[in-house]
Amino acid sequence: MLKDWLKKKFTNQTTPSKDKENQEVSEKKEEKNKEEANILARLKERLGKTRQNFVKQIDQLIKGRTSIDQELLEELEEILVTADMGITTVEEIFEQLRTEVSKAELKEPEQLKTRLKKLLLDKLDINIPPLQFTPNPFVILVVGVNGVGKTTTIAKLAYYLKQQGKSVLMVASDTFRAAAIEQLETWGKKIDVPVIKHGPGADPSAVCFDGLEAAKNRKIDVVIVDTAGRLHTKVNLMEELKKIKRVASRKIEGAPHEVFLVLDATTGQNAISQAKLFHEAVDVTGLILTKLDGTAKGGIVVSITNQLKIPIRFIGIGEKMEDLKPFNPQEFIEAIFEK
């Protein structure tokens, strides 16, 4: 009897708690699903120009066709080239498609679209581990030419990290443009992120050094260092960036832990040339592609990843603070191919 009473008492006490716990788990799961659906919907909306230029043309091409012939493949190949996927990447894709057609593995025109979707995803998925933002302070050096939206992108990245619960510090090492220092400081006030700065014309490496010193003293999680995109003719940009890297590594072991290159998606294949130059100089570890919402040639995403084998870490799909998103290859392809 005592055992039955204790069992009943224990059950009555724990069941409501368990029910509440299950409800909370269910609500969190539902909230996460809604958030993912919203991200995909916004990405789809912002990639509208690319989808219109790419998938719509493919649909029109295969409509009414009953077989895959050489003419169809050539026209499809042209669509990919005009979407800025790059000659090298397109040739690799079509070598595979033609092999599968010749072996009768692909017979129906509609199959081409499904197969193309998978091949593009394979080009984007280069098996790079996710960012961990450890150890602390985690130092990110951000590079790129003027005009790509580098300073604004840094502010958006800082905002994103704050939303993830990280403490962030921005460092204004683009001292060759007074406007860059002022712009970063303005953003810092808006998103409540501190900025370490010197005056215009100061030694960029010295600013970086002071920024990292401050980060250590304040126990900051992530430091984002802005850099110049163009220097005076007497100073070599790449040498200056190398110097900043050396100073960072001497101040904090392993720093910079990431070197992000900001590229403007609307510049097309020129972005690849920029990436190669910066990569040779400072070993770029990740890319941030901005202005994807403003281009009909989003295929540059595939071309850059395939040719350089450098992961795209973030993409910019709008002007708002929350419009800098971690890059997800699956979501990107789904957003382009969905009607």
Protein backbone atom coordinates (compact mmCIF):
# COMPACT_ATOMS: atom_id res chain seq x y z
CA MET A 1 0.00 0.00 0.00
CA LEU A 2 2.79 2.41 0.90
CA LYS A 3 4.55 1.63 -2.36
CA ASP A 4 1.37 2.34 -4.36
CA TRP A 5 0.83 5.61 -2.50
CA LEU A 6 4.40 6.77 -3.12
CA LYS A 7 4.18 5.80 -6.79
CA LYS A 8 0.93 7.73 -7.20
CA LYS A 9 2.34 10.76 -5.38
CA PHE A 10 5.52 10.74 -7.47
CA THR A 11 3.55 10.38 -10.73
CA ASN A 12 1.23 13.24 -9.84
CA GLN A 13 4.19 15.49 -9.04
CA THR A 14 6.26 14.78 -12.13
CA THR A 15 3.72 14.45 -14.93
CA PRO A 16 2.83 18.18 -15.16
CA SER A 17 6.53 19.01 -15.18
CA LYS A 18 7.18 16.48 -17.94
CA ASP A 19 4.23 17.75 -19.96
CA LYS A 20 5.52 21.30 -19.66
CA GLU A 21 8.99 20.20 -20.75
CA ASN A 22 7.57 18.39 -23.79
CA GLN A 23 5.49 21.43 -24.67
CA GLU A 24 8.54 23.70 -24.48
CA VAL A 25 10.53 21.35 -26.73
CA SER A 26 7.65 21.25 -29.21
CA GLU A 27 7.32 25.05 -29.21
CA LYS A 28 11.07 25.51 -29.77
CA LYS A 29 11.00 23.03 -32.64
CA GLU A 30 8.03 24.81 -34.21
CA GLU A 31 9.73 28.19 -33.76
CA LYS A 32 12.91 26.86 -35.41
CA ASN A 33 10.91 25.45 -38.35
CA LYS A 34 9.17 28.80 -38.83
CA GLU A 35 12.50 30.64 -38.71
CA GLU A 36 14.01 28.30 -41.32
CA ALA A 37 10.94 28.72 -43.55
CA ASN A 38 11.21 32.51 -43.24
CA ILE A 39 14.90 32.45 -44.15
CA LEU A 40 14.22 30.32 -47.23
CA ALA A 41 11.31 32.56 -48.28
CA ARG A 42 13.41 35.71 -47.91
CA LEU A 43 16.33 34.12 -49.75
CA LYS A 44 13.99 33.04 -52.54
CA GLU A 45 12.57 36.57 -52.77
CA ARG A 46 16.01 38.21 -52.82
CA LEU A 47 17.37 35.82 -55.45
CA GLY A 48 14.46 36.59 -57.75
CA LYS A 49 16.62 38.16 -60.47
CA THR A 50 18.88 35.13 -60.66
CA ARG A 51 15.91 32.74 -60.67
CA GLN A 52 14.21 34.67 -63.47
CA ASN A 53 17.40 34.73 -65.52
CA PHE A 54 18.33 31.12 -64.89
CA VAL A 55 15.57 28.66 -63.99
CA LYS A 56 12.88 30.40 -65.99
CA GLN A 57 15.05 30.12 -69.10
CA ILE A 58 15.66 26.43 -68.41
CA ASP A 59 11.91 25.81 -68.03
CA GLN A 60 11.25 27.57 -71.33
CA LEU A 61 14.02 25.59 -73.01
CA ILE A 62 12.79 22.13 -72.02
CA LYS A 63 9.08 22.90 -72.37
CA GLY A 64 7.55 20.72 -75.09
CA ARG A 65 10.78 18.81 -75.70
CA THR A 66 10.55 15.03 -75.71
CA SER A 67 14.21 14.10 -75.98
CA ILE A 68 17.70 15.34 -75.13
CA ASP A 69 19.68 16.23 -78.22
CA GLN A 70 22.90 18.14 -78.91
CA GLU A 71 21.04 21.38 -79.60
CA LEU A 72 19.26 21.23 -76.24
CA LEU A 73 22.54 20.66 -74.39
CA GLU A 74 24.26 23.54 -76.19
CA GLU A 75 21.44 25.95 -75.37
CA LEU A 76 21.42 24.82 -71.75
CA GLU A 77 25.17 25.31 -71.60
CA GLU A 78 24.76 28.87 -72.86
CA ILE A 79 22.24 29.62 -70.10
CA LEU A 80 24.74 28.54 -67.45
CA VAL A 81 27.52 30.65 -68.97
CA THR A 82 25.33 33.76 -69.06
CA ALA A 83 24.42 33.16 -65.40
CA ASP A 84 28.13 33.71 -64.66
CA MET A 85 28.98 30.17 -63.65
CA GLY A 86 32.29 30.43 -65.48
CA ILE A 87 33.56 28.49 -68.48
CA THR A 88 35.60 26.01 -66.40
CA THR A 89 32.72 25.12 -64.09
CA VAL A 90 30.22 24.83 -66.95
CA GLU A 91 32.55 22.56 -68.93
CA GLU A 92 32.96 20.24 -65.93
CA ILE A 93 29.19 20.05 -65.45
CA PHE A 94 28.47 19.34 -69.12
CA GLU A 95 31.17 16.73 -69.43
CA GLN A 96 29.23 14.83 -66.76
CA LEU A 97 25.82 15.50 -68.35
CA ARG A 98 26.93 14.41 -71.83
CA THR A 99 28.39 11.19 -70.40
CA GLU A 100 25.12 10.40 -68.67
CA VAL A 101 23.10 11.20 -71.79
CA SER A 102 25.32 8.99 -73.95
CA LYS A 103 24.85 6.11 -71.50
CA ALA A 104 21.09 6.69 -71.56
CA GLU A 105 21.13 7.46 -67.84
CA LEU A 106 19.40 10.72 -68.74
CA LYS A 107 16.61 10.44 -71.30
CA GLU A 108 13.90 12.99 -70.52
CA PRO A 109 14.53 16.75 -70.78
CA GLU A 110 12.87 17.26 -67.38
CA GLN A 111 15.53 14.98 -65.85
CA LEU A 112 18.19 17.48 -66.91
CA LYS A 113 16.87 20.08 -64.51
CA THR A 114 16.87 17.66 -61.56
CA ARG A 115 20.33 16.39 -62.40
CA LEU A 116 21.68 19.91 -62.90
CA LYS A 117 20.37 20.90 -59.49
CA LYS A 118 22.32 18.03 -57.89
CA LEU A 119 25.53 18.79 -59.82
CA LEU A 120 25.43 22.46 -58.81
CA LEU A 121 24.93 21.49 -55.17
CA ASP A 122 27.94 19.16 -55.41
CA LYS A 123 30.06 22.08 -56.66
CA LEU A 124 29.00 24.21 -53.69
CA ASP A 125 29.38 21.56 -51.02
CA ILE A 126 33.17 21.44 -50.53
CA ASN A 127 33.02 19.76 -47.12
CA ILE A 128 34.33 22.60 -44.96
CA PRO A 129 33.68 22.41 -41.18
CA PRO A 130 31.35 25.04 -39.71
CA LEU A 131 32.69 28.14 -38.01
CA GLN A 132 33.12 27.75 -34.26
CA PHE A 133 34.34 31.27 -33.32
CA THR A 134 36.76 29.86 -30.75
CA PRO A 135 39.20 30.41 -29.03
CA ASN A 136 38.54 33.77 -27.39
CA PRO A 137 39.26 36.32 -28.58
CA PHE A 138 38.53 34.95 -32.04
CA VAL A 139 40.09 37.29 -34.59
CA ILE A 140 38.60 37.88 -38.05
CA LEU A 141 40.56 39.94 -40.58
CA VAL A 142 38.27 41.37 -43.27
CA VAL A 143 39.77 42.33 -46.64
CA GLY A 144 38.48 43.47 -50.02
CA VAL A 145 38.66 46.29 -52.52
CA ASN A 146 36.87 49.58 -51.98
CA GLY A 147 33.28 49.70 -53.15
CA VAL A 148 32.23 46.14 -52.29
CA GLY A 149 30.47 47.18 -49.08
CA LYS A 150 33.22 45.93 -46.77
CA THR A 151 32.72 48.28 -43.82
CA THR A 152 28.94 47.86 -43.84
CA THR A 153 29.37 44.09 -44.10
CA ILE A 154 31.61 44.15 -41.03
CA ALA A 155 28.86 45.93 -39.10
CA LYS A 156 26.31 43.34 -40.27
CA LEU A 157 28.64 40.52 -39.25
CA ALA A 158 29.07 42.13 -35.82
CA TYR A 159 25.30 42.43 -35.51
CA TYR A 160 24.86 38.75 -36.48
CA LEU A 161 27.41 37.65 -33.88
CA LYS A 162 25.72 39.76 -31.20
CA GLN A 163 22.46 37.97 -31.97
CA GLN A 164 24.32 34.72 -31.36
CA GLY A 165 25.22 35.93 -27.87
CA LYS A 166 28.83 36.88 -28.64
CA SER A 167 30.60 39.98 -27.37
CA VAL A 168 32.15 41.78 -30.34
CA LEU A 169 34.79 44.45 -30.92
CA MET A 170 35.42 46.19 -34.25
CA VAL A 171 38.83 47.58 -35.18
CA ALA A 172 39.19 50.45 -37.69
CA SER A 173 42.45 49.50 -39.43
CA ASP A 174 41.40 51.13 -42.70
CA THR A 175 43.21 54.32 -41.75
CA PHE A 176 43.76 55.48 -45.32
CA ARG A 177 40.12 56.53 -45.64
CA ALA A 178 38.86 58.89 -42.95
CA ALA A 179 35.33 58.04 -44.09
CA ALA A 180 35.92 54.35 -43.31
CA ILE A 181 36.81 55.14 -39.69
CA GLU A 182 33.78 57.42 -39.31
CA GLN A 183 31.50 54.88 -40.98
CA LEU A 184 32.60 52.04 -38.70
CA GLU A 185 32.24 54.27 -35.63
CA THR A 186 28.72 55.26 -36.72
CA TRP A 187 27.75 51.62 -37.18
CA GLY A 188 29.27 50.77 -33.81
CA LYS A 189 27.00 53.26 -32.08
CA LYS A 190 23.94 51.98 -33.94
CA ILE A 191 24.46 48.33 -33.02
CA ASP A 192 26.13 49.01 -29.66
CA VAL A 193 29.49 47.46 -30.54
CA PRO A 194 32.72 49.19 -29.39
CA VAL A 195 35.23 50.38 -31.99
CA ILE A 196 38.99 50.78 -31.53
CA LYS A 197 40.38 53.52 -33.78
CA HIS A 198 43.28 55.91 -34.34
CA GLY A 199 43.29 58.99 -36.54
CA PRO A 200 43.35 58.99 -40.37
CA GLY A 201 46.77 58.05 -41.76
CA ALA A 202 47.81 56.10 -38.66
CA ASP A 203 49.70 52.82 -38.99
CA PRO A 204 47.00 50.15 -39.64
CA SER A 205 49.05 47.50 -37.83
CA ALA A 206 49.31 49.69 -34.73
CA VAL A 207 45.51 50.07 -34.67
CA CYS A 208 45.15 46.30 -35.00
CA PHE A 209 47.62 45.77 -32.14
CA ASP A 210 45.70 48.12 -29.85
CA GLY A 211 42.41 46.50 -30.84
CA LEU A 212 43.62 43.03 -29.91
CA GLU A 213 45.08 44.33 -26.65
CA ALA A 214 41.71 45.85 -25.78
CA ALA A 215 39.92 42.61 -26.73
CA LYS A 216 42.11 40.59 -24.37
CA ASN A 217 41.64 43.04 -21.52
CA ARG A 218 37.87 43.18 -22.00
CA LYS A 219 37.56 39.41 -22.55
CA ILE A 220 35.85 39.93 -25.92
CA ASP A 221 34.63 36.85 -27.83
CA VAL A 222 35.15 38.04 -31.42
CA VAL A 223 37.29 40.81 -32.91
CA ILE A 224 36.59 42.01 -36.45
CA VAL A 225 39.40 44.00 -38.08
CA ASP A 226 38.57 46.30 -40.99
CA THR A 227 41.36 46.92 -43.53
CA ALA A 228 42.04 49.20 -46.47
CA GLY A 229 40.91 48.29 -49.97
CA ARG A 230 43.28 50.70 -51.65
CA LEU A 231 46.34 52.50 -50.35
CA HIS A 232 48.38 55.45 -51.55
CA THR A 233 50.66 54.72 -54.49
CA LYS A 234 53.76 54.57 -52.28
CA VAL A 235 52.35 51.76 -50.18
CA ASN A 236 51.63 48.26 -51.45
CA LEU A 237 48.22 47.07 -50.26
CA MET A 238 49.08 43.39 -50.05
CA GLU A 239 52.28 44.05 -48.09
CA GLU A 240 50.33 46.16 -45.62
CA LEU A 241 47.79 43.36 -45.15
CA LYS A 242 50.60 40.85 -44.59
CA LYS A 243 52.03 43.15 -41.93
CA ILE A 244 48.67 43.34 -40.13
CA LYS A 245 48.54 39.53 -40.16
CA ARG A 246 52.02 39.28 -38.65
CA VAL A 247 51.19 41.77 -35.90
CA ALA A 248 47.95 39.92 -35.10
CA SER A 249 49.75 36.57 -34.84
CA ARG A 250 52.38 38.02 -32.51
CA LYS A 251 49.72 39.51 -30.25
CA ILE A 252 47.38 36.49 -30.16
CA GLU A 253 48.50 32.96 -30.98
CA GLY A 254 46.84 31.67 -34.15
CA ALA A 255 45.41 35.07 -35.09
CA PRO A 256 43.85 35.95 -37.40
CA HIS A 257 41.77 32.80 -37.06
CA GLU A 258 39.82 33.67 -40.20
CA VAL A 259 40.54 35.96 -43.16
CA PHE A 260 37.27 36.91 -44.83
CA LEU A 261 37.30 38.43 -48.31
CA VAL A 262 34.28 40.56 -49.20
CA LEU A 263 33.25 40.33 -52.87
CA ASP A 264 30.55 42.16 -54.82
CA ALA A 265 28.39 39.58 -56.64
CA THR A 266 27.44 42.12 -59.31
CA THR A 267 31.05 42.27 -60.58
CA GLY A 268 30.81 38.71 -61.92
CA GLN A 269 34.01 36.97 -62.99
CA ASN A 270 36.07 39.99 -61.89
CA ALA A 271 35.35 38.86 -58.33
CA ILE A 272 37.33 35.69 -59.00
CA SER A 273 40.35 37.71 -60.11
CA GLN A 274 40.16 39.74 -56.89
CA ALA A 275 39.88 36.56 -54.83
CA LYS A 276 42.97 35.03 -56.42
CA LEU A 277 45.08 38.12 -55.67
CA PHE A 278 44.00 38.39 -52.05
CA HIS A 279 44.30 34.64 -51.51
CA GLU A 280 47.89 34.62 -52.75
CA ALA A 281 48.78 37.45 -50.37
CA VAL A 282 46.94 36.64 -47.14
CA ASP A 283 45.53 33.09 -47.44
CA VAL A 284 41.82 33.87 -47.54
CA THR A 285 39.86 31.31 -45.49
CA GLY A 286 36.32 32.39 -46.27
CA LEU A 287 34.28 34.59 -48.59
CA ILE A 288 31.42 37.01 -47.99
CA LEU A 289 29.43 37.66 -51.15
CA THR A 290 27.44 40.91 -51.08
CA LYS A 291 24.66 42.34 -53.27
CA LEU A 292 23.29 38.97 -54.40
CA ASP A 293 19.86 40.57 -54.40
CA GLY A 294 21.03 43.05 -57.05
CA THR A 295 22.30 40.63 -59.68
CA ALA A 296 20.73 38.28 -62.21
CA LYS A 297 24.01 36.34 -62.31
CA GLY A 298 23.97 34.49 -59.01
CA GLY A 299 25.77 31.64 -60.72
CA ILE A 300 28.97 33.40 -59.65
CA VAL A 301 28.45 31.68 -56.28
CA VAL A 302 29.00 28.28 -57.92
CA SER A 303 31.90 29.51 -60.04
CA ILE A 304 33.80 31.05 -57.12
CA THR A 305 33.40 28.02 -54.86
CA ASN A 306 34.31 25.53 -57.57
CA GLN A 307 37.35 27.37 -58.90
CA LEU A 308 38.88 28.60 -55.65
CA LYS A 309 37.78 25.88 -53.22
CA ILE A 310 37.32 28.61 -50.62
CA PRO A 311 34.04 28.38 -48.69
CA ILE A 312 31.43 31.11 -48.93
CA ARG A 313 30.67 31.81 -45.28
CA PHE A 314 28.08 34.59 -45.56
CA ILE A 315 25.93 36.17 -48.27
CA GLY A 316 24.39 39.64 -48.36
CA ILE A 317 20.82 39.70 -49.67
CA GLY A 318 19.70 43.21 -48.75
CA GLU A 319 20.36 46.47 -46.96
CA LYS A 320 19.02 45.58 -43.50
CA MET A 321 21.25 44.50 -40.63
CA GLU A 322 19.70 41.03 -40.64
CA ASP A 323 20.27 40.60 -44.39
CA LEU A 324 23.71 39.06 -43.92
CA LYS A 325 23.10 35.31 -43.71
CA PRO A 326 25.35 32.32 -43.12
CA PHE A 327 25.70 30.59 -46.48
CA ASN A 328 23.92 27.26 -46.78
CA PRO A 329 24.47 25.53 -50.17
CA GLN A 330 21.25 23.49 -49.93
CA GLU A 331 19.14 26.56 -49.12
CA PHE A 332 20.77 28.55 -51.90
CA ILE A 333 20.05 25.94 -54.57
CA GLU A 334 16.50 25.41 -53.31
CA ALA A 335 15.87 29.15 -53.40
CA ILE A 336 17.03 29.39 -57.01
CA PHE A 337 15.20 26.35 -58.34
CA GLU A 338 11.90 26.75 -56.48
CA LYS A 339 9.10 28.31 -58.51
